[in-house]
Amino acid sequence: MADRPDVEDFGHEPMNIITNGKLRAVVCARCVVWDHGFNDVAWPCTSAIVLGLVPRKEPSS
């Protein structure tokens, strides 16, 4: 990712899905499945979190 050049992203990066000119979702470009339809994985995906591409959310107390 551009903000973390020291970390390999393996293609896990955010991708905007725009429908009818409006942002519909932000999904993982690597985890998205393009088949006869569209199956998306919301960003950040588990791999992006494990790779340290995005900060982990602290559990709420």
PDB file of N, CA and C in Angstrom:
ATOM      1  N   MET A   1       0.842  -1.167   0.000  1.00  0.00           N
ATOM      2  CA  MET A   1       0.000   0.000   0.000  1.00  0.00           C
ATOM      3  C   MET A   1       0.888   1.232   0.000  1.00  0.00           C
ATOM      4  N   ALA A   2       0.419   2.291  -0.547  1.00  0.00           N
ATOM      5  CA  ALA A   2       1.214   3.506  -0.690  1.00  0.00           C
ATOM      6  C   ALA A   2       1.681   4.063   0.652  1.00  0.00           C
ATOM      7  N   ASP A   3       0.860   3.959   1.683  1.00  0.00           N
ATOM      8  CA  ASP A   3       1.244   4.522   2.976  1.00  0.00           C
ATOM      9  C   ASP A   3       2.129   3.583   3.794  1.00  0.00           C
ATOM     10  N   ARG A   4       2.317   2.346   3.353  1.00  0.00           N
ATOM     11  CA  ARG A   4       3.175   1.386   4.050  1.00  0.00           C
ATOM     12  C   ARG A   4       4.082   0.681   3.035  1.00  0.00           C
ATOM     13  N   PRO A   5       5.053   1.377   2.446  1.00  0.00           N
ATOM     14  CA  PRO A   5       5.896   0.762   1.416  1.00  0.00           C
ATOM     15  C   PRO A   5       6.765  -0.374   1.946  1.00  0.00           C
ATOM     16  N   ASP A   6       6.949  -0.461   3.268  1.00  0.00           N
ATOM     17  CA  ASP A   6       7.774  -1.508   3.859  1.00  0.00           C
ATOM     18  C   ASP A   6       7.027  -2.831   4.020  1.00  0.00           C
ATOM     19  N   VAL A   7       5.720  -2.858   3.756  1.00  0.00           N
ATOM     20  CA  VAL A   7       4.903  -4.050   3.958  1.00  0.00           C
ATOM     21  C   VAL A   7       4.399  -4.555   2.618  1.00  0.00           C
ATOM     22  N   GLU A   8       4.593  -5.851   2.344  1.00  0.00           N
ATOM     23  CA  GLU A   8       4.064  -6.459   1.123  1.00  0.00           C
ATOM     24  C   GLU A   8       2.571  -6.679   1.302  1.00  0.00           C
ATOM     25  N   ASP A   9       1.766  -6.209   0.340  1.00  0.00           N
ATOM     26  CA  ASP A   9       0.314  -6.320   0.505  1.00  0.00           C
ATOM     27  C   ASP A   9      -0.280  -7.537  -0.202  1.00  0.00           C
ATOM     28  N   PHE A  10       0.483  -8.217  -1.047  1.00  0.00           N
ATOM     29  CA  PHE A  10       0.026  -9.416  -1.753  1.00  0.00           C
ATOM     30  C   PHE A  10      -1.302  -9.182  -2.476  1.00  0.00           C
ATOM     31  N   GLY A  11      -1.540  -7.957  -2.890  1.00  0.00           N
ATOM     32  CA  GLY A  11      -2.759  -7.623  -3.624  1.00  0.00           C
ATOM     33  C   GLY A  11      -3.949  -7.289  -2.750  1.00  0.00           C
ATOM     34  N   HIS A  12      -3.786  -7.373  -1.438  1.00  0.00           N
ATOM     35  CA  HIS A  12      -4.881  -7.031  -0.528  1.00  0.00           C
ATOM     36  C   HIS A  12      -4.865  -5.512  -0.353  1.00  0.00           C
ATOM     37  N   GLU A  13      -5.742  -4.857  -1.063  1.00  0.00           N
ATOM     38  CA  GLU A  13      -5.846  -3.398  -0.986  1.00  0.00           C
ATOM     39  C   GLU A  13      -7.287  -2.990  -1.214  1.00  0.00           C
ATOM     40  N   PRO A  14      -7.694  -1.835  -0.701  1.00  0.00           N
ATOM     41  CA  PRO A  14      -9.088  -1.418  -0.846  1.00  0.00           C
ATOM     42  C   PRO A  14      -9.425  -1.069  -2.296  1.00  0.00           C
ATOM     43  N   MET A  15     -10.626  -1.420  -2.696  1.00  0.00           N
ATOM     44  CA  MET A  15     -11.116  -1.136  -4.042  1.00  0.00           C
ATOM     45  C   MET A  15     -12.551  -0.626  -3.914  1.00  0.00           C
ATOM     46  N   ASN A  16     -12.827   0.530  -4.501  1.00  0.00           N
ATOM     47  CA  ASN A  16     -14.177   1.098  -4.470  1.00  0.00           C
ATOM     48  C   ASN A  16     -15.056   0.423  -5.507  1.00  0.00           C
ATOM     49  N   ILE A  17     -16.248   0.067  -5.115  1.00  0.00           N
ATOM     50  CA  ILE A  17     -17.256  -0.465  -6.031  1.00  0.00           C
ATOM     51  C   ILE A  17     -18.293   0.634  -6.208  1.00  0.00           C
ATOM     52  N   ILE A  18     -18.414   1.109  -7.429  1.00  0.00           N
ATOM     53  CA  ILE A  18     -19.324   2.216  -7.726  1.00  0.00           C
ATOM     54  C   ILE A  18     -20.442   1.704  -8.623  1.00  0.00           C
ATOM     55  N   THR A  19     -21.670   1.976  -8.217  1.00  0.00           N
ATOM     56  CA  THR A  19     -22.845   1.584  -8.989  1.00  0.00           C
ATOM     57  C   THR A  19     -23.700   2.818  -9.206  1.00  0.00           C
ATOM     58  N   ASN A  20     -24.070   3.054 -10.457  1.00  0.00           N
ATOM     59  CA  ASN A  20     -24.889   4.213 -10.812  1.00  0.00           C
ATOM     60  C   ASN A  20     -24.287   5.514 -10.295  1.00  0.00           C
ATOM     61  N   GLY A  21     -22.965   5.611 -10.343  1.00  0.00           N
ATOM     62  CA  GLY A  21     -22.282   6.833  -9.946  1.00  0.00           C
ATOM     63  C   GLY A  21     -22.138   7.043  -8.454  1.00  0.00           C
ATOM     64  N   LYS A  22     -22.533   6.049  -7.654  1.00  0.00           N
ATOM     65  CA  LYS A  22     -22.454   6.184  -6.192  1.00  0.00           C
ATOM     66  C   LYS A  22     -21.583   5.065  -5.625  1.00  0.00           C
ATOM     67  N   LEU A  23     -20.834   5.409  -4.582  1.00  0.00           N
ATOM     68  CA  LEU A  23     -20.021   4.423  -3.896  1.00  0.00           C
ATOM     69  C   LEU A  23     -20.935   3.410  -3.218  1.00  0.00           C
ATOM     70  N   ARG A  24     -20.825   2.168  -3.631  1.00  0.00           N
ATOM     71  CA  ARG A  24     -21.662   1.107  -3.062  1.00  0.00           C
ATOM     72  C   ARG A  24     -20.950   0.399  -1.927  1.00  0.00           C
ATOM     73  N   ALA A  25     -19.639   0.161  -2.100  1.00  0.00           N
ATOM     74  CA  ALA A  25     -18.894  -0.574  -1.082  1.00  0.00           C
ATOM     75  C   ALA A  25     -17.410  -0.382  -1.288  1.00  0.00           C
ATOM     76  N   VAL A  26     -16.651  -0.636  -0.234  1.00  0.00           N
ATOM     77  CA  VAL A  26     -15.199  -0.708  -0.332  1.00  0.00           C
ATOM     78  C   VAL A  26     -14.856  -2.151   0.014  1.00  0.00           C
ATOM     79  N   VAL A  27     -14.238  -2.838  -0.949  1.00  0.00           N
ATOM     80  CA  VAL A  27     -13.949  -4.256  -0.808  1.00  0.00           C
ATOM     81  C   VAL A  27     -12.457  -4.510  -0.979  1.00  0.00           C
ATOM     82  N   CYS A  28     -12.019  -5.715  -0.670  1.00  0.00           N
ATOM     83  CA  CYS A  28     -10.632  -6.103  -0.879  1.00  0.00           C
ATOM     84  C   CYS A  28     -10.451  -6.531  -2.330  1.00  0.00           C
ATOM     85  N   ALA A  29      -9.493  -5.915  -3.013  1.00  0.00           N
ATOM     86  CA  ALA A  29      -9.257  -6.214  -4.427  1.00  0.00           C
ATOM     87  C   ALA A  29      -8.786  -7.648  -4.631  1.00  0.00           C
ATOM     88  N   ARG A  30      -8.091  -8.221  -3.681  1.00  0.00           N
ATOM     89  CA  ARG A  30      -7.570  -9.580  -3.788  1.00  0.00           C
ATOM     90  C   ARG A  30      -8.628 -10.618  -3.448  1.00  0.00           C
ATOM     91  N   CYS A  31      -9.454 -10.346  -2.466  1.00  0.00           N
ATOM     92  CA  CYS A  31     -10.428 -11.325  -1.983  1.00  0.00           C
ATOM     93  C   CYS A  31     -11.742 -11.325  -2.757  1.00  0.00           C
ATOM     94  N   VAL A  32     -11.962 -10.311  -3.570  1.00  0.00           N
ATOM     95  CA  VAL A  32     -13.203 -10.249  -4.330  1.00  0.00           C
ATOM     96  C   VAL A  32     -13.238 -11.406  -5.335  1.00  0.00           C
ATOM     97  N   VAL A  33     -14.410 -11.973  -5.546  1.00  0.00           N
ATOM     98  CA  VAL A  33     -14.564 -13.091  -6.469  1.00  0.00           C
ATOM     99  C   VAL A  33     -15.441 -12.629  -7.621  1.00  0.00           C
ATOM    100  N   TRP A  34     -14.853 -12.629  -8.819  1.00  0.00           N
ATOM    101  CA  TRP A  34     -15.606 -12.258 -10.019  1.00  0.00           C
ATOM    102  C   TRP A  34     -16.007 -13.556 -10.706  1.00  0.00           C
ATOM    103  N   ASP A  35     -17.271 -13.884 -10.674  1.00  0.00           N
ATOM    104  CA  ASP A  35     -17.760 -15.059 -11.376  1.00  0.00           C
ATOM    105  C   ASP A  35     -18.988 -14.621 -12.168  1.00  0.00           C
ATOM    106  N   HIS A  36     -20.010 -15.400 -12.212  1.00  0.00           N
ATOM    107  CA  HIS A  36     -21.229 -15.001 -12.934  1.00  0.00           C
ATOM    108  C   HIS A  36     -21.923 -13.843 -12.238  1.00  0.00           C
ATOM    109  N   GLY A  37     -21.595 -13.632 -11.003  1.00  0.00           N
ATOM    110  CA  GLY A  37     -22.106 -12.519 -10.223  1.00  0.00           C
ATOM    111  C   GLY A  37     -20.932 -11.831  -9.582  1.00  0.00           C
ATOM    112  N   PHE A  38     -21.160 -11.239  -8.453  1.00  0.00           N
ATOM    113  CA  PHE A  38     -20.105 -10.514  -7.755  1.00  0.00           C
ATOM    114  C   PHE A  38     -20.196 -10.851  -6.282  1.00  0.00           C
ATOM    115  N   ASN A  39     -19.168 -11.501  -5.779  1.00  0.00           N
ATOM    116  CA  ASN A  39     -19.102 -11.829  -4.354  1.00  0.00           C
ATOM    117  C   ASN A  39     -17.965 -11.026  -3.761  1.00  0.00           C
ATOM    118  N   ASP A  40     -18.294 -10.143  -2.851  1.00  0.00           N
ATOM    119  CA  ASP A  40     -17.268  -9.254  -2.320  1.00  0.00           C
ATOM    120  C   ASP A  40     -16.931  -9.570  -0.873  1.00  0.00           C
ATOM    121  N   VAL A  41     -15.740  -9.144  -0.488  1.00  0.00           N
ATOM    122  CA  VAL A  41     -15.270  -9.248   0.888  1.00  0.00           C
ATOM    123  C   VAL A  41     -14.990  -7.821   1.329  1.00  0.00           C
ATOM    124  N   ALA A  42     -15.678  -7.380   2.365  1.00  0.00           N
ATOM    125  CA  ALA A  42     -15.542  -6.002   2.835  1.00  0.00           C
ATOM    126  C   ALA A  42     -14.107  -5.697   3.251  1.00  0.00           C
ATOM    127  N   TRP A  43     -13.686  -4.466   3.004  1.00  0.00           N
ATOM    128  CA  TRP A  43     -12.380  -3.990   3.432  1.00  0.00           C
ATOM    129  C   TRP A  43     -12.489  -3.457   4.846  1.00  0.00           C
ATOM    130  N   PRO A  44     -11.595  -3.734   5.739  1.00  0.00           N
ATOM    131  CA  PRO A  44     -10.406  -4.549   5.543  1.00  0.00           C
ATOM    132  C   PRO A  44     -10.718  -6.034   5.704  1.00  0.00           C
ATOM    133  N   CYS A  45     -10.129  -6.840   4.845  1.00  0.00           N
ATOM    134  CA  CYS A  45     -10.295  -8.281   4.944  1.00  0.00           C
ATOM    135  C   CYS A  45      -9.395  -8.809   6.062  1.00  0.00           C
ATOM    136  N   THR A  46      -9.601 -10.039   6.443  1.00  0.00           N
ATOM    137  CA  THR A  46      -8.797 -10.644   7.509  1.00  0.00           C
ATOM    138  C   THR A  46      -7.320 -10.653   7.147  1.00  0.00           C
ATOM    139  N   SER A  47      -7.000 -10.939   5.892  1.00  0.00           N
ATOM    140  CA  SER A  47      -5.598 -10.974   5.472  1.00  0.00           C
ATOM    141  C   SER A  47      -4.935  -9.613   5.633  1.00  0.00           C
ATOM    142  N   ALA A  48      -5.629  -8.544   5.305  1.00  0.00           N
ATOM    143  CA  ALA A  48      -5.065  -7.201   5.447  1.00  0.00           C
ATOM    144  C   ALA A  48      -4.767  -6.896   6.909  1.00  0.00           C
ATOM    145  N   ILE A  49      -5.622  -7.356   7.792  1.00  0.00           N
ATOM    146  CA  ILE A  49      -5.399  -7.133   9.222  1.00  0.00           C
ATOM    147  C   ILE A  49      -4.192  -7.939   9.694  1.00  0.00           C
ATOM    148  N   VAL A  50      -4.117  -9.211   9.288  1.00  0.00           N
ATOM    149  CA  VAL A  50      -3.008 -10.076   9.698  1.00  0.00           C
ATOM    150  C   VAL A  50      -1.686  -9.561   9.140  1.00  0.00           C
ATOM    151  N   LEU A  51      -1.683  -9.057   7.910  1.00  0.00           N
ATOM    152  CA  LEU A  51      -0.466  -8.532   7.292  1.00  0.00           C
ATOM    153  C   LEU A  51      -0.052  -7.187   7.881  1.00  0.00           C
ATOM    154  N   GLY A  52      -0.890  -6.595   8.692  1.00  0.00           N
ATOM    155  CA  GLY A  52      -0.570  -5.313   9.298  1.00  0.00           C
ATOM    156  C   GLY A  52      -0.803  -4.138   8.372  1.00  0.00           C
ATOM    157  N   LEU A  53      -1.641  -4.325   7.350  1.00  0.00           N
ATOM    158  CA  LEU A  53      -1.936  -3.243   6.405  1.00  0.00           C
ATOM    159  C   LEU A  53      -2.885  -2.219   7.012  1.00  0.00           C
ATOM    160  N   VAL A  54      -3.679  -2.650   7.962  1.00  0.00           N
ATOM    161  CA  VAL A  54      -4.593  -1.774   8.692  1.00  0.00           C
ATOM    162  C   VAL A  54      -4.452  -2.097  10.171  1.00  0.00           C
ATOM    163  N   PRO A  55      -4.696  -1.133  11.035  1.00  0.00           N
ATOM    164  CA  PRO A  55      -4.572  -1.413  12.467  1.00  0.00           C
ATOM    165  C   PRO A  55      -5.694  -2.347  12.940  1.00  0.00           C
ATOM    166  N   ARG A  56      -5.335  -3.185  13.891  1.00  0.00           N
ATOM    167  CA  ARG A  56      -6.338  -4.053  14.507  1.00  0.00           C
ATOM    168  C   ARG A  56      -7.238  -3.213  15.403  1.00  0.00           C
ATOM    169  N   LYS A  57      -8.497  -3.553  15.440  1.00  0.00           N
ATOM    170  CA  LYS A  57      -9.427  -2.865  16.346  1.00  0.00           C
ATOM    171  C   LYS A  57      -9.254  -3.446  17.727  1.00  0.00           C
ATOM    172  N   GLU A  58      -9.187  -2.569  18.701  1.00  0.00           N
ATOM    173  CA  GLU A  58      -9.097  -3.006  20.085  1.00  0.00           C
ATOM    174  C   GLU A  58     -10.458  -3.506  20.530  1.00  0.00           C
ATOM    175  N   PRO A  59     -10.491  -4.616  21.260  1.00  0.00           N
ATOM    176  CA  PRO A  59     -11.786  -5.094  21.752  1.00  0.00           C
ATOM    177  C   PRO A  59     -12.409  -4.065  22.692  1.00  0.00           C
ATOM    178  N   SER A  60     -13.714  -3.903  22.560  1.00  0.00           N
ATOM    179  CA  SER A  60     -14.398  -2.948  23.429  1.00  0.00           C
ATOM    180  C   SER A  60     -14.591  -3.584  24.807  1.00  0.00           C
ATOM    181  N   SER A  61     -14.497  -2.765  25.833  1.00  0.00           N
ATOM    182  CA  SER A  61     -14.628  -3.312  27.195  1.00  0.00           C
ATOM    183  C   SER A  61     -15.969  -3.026  27.776  1.00  0.00           C
TER     184      SER A  61
END
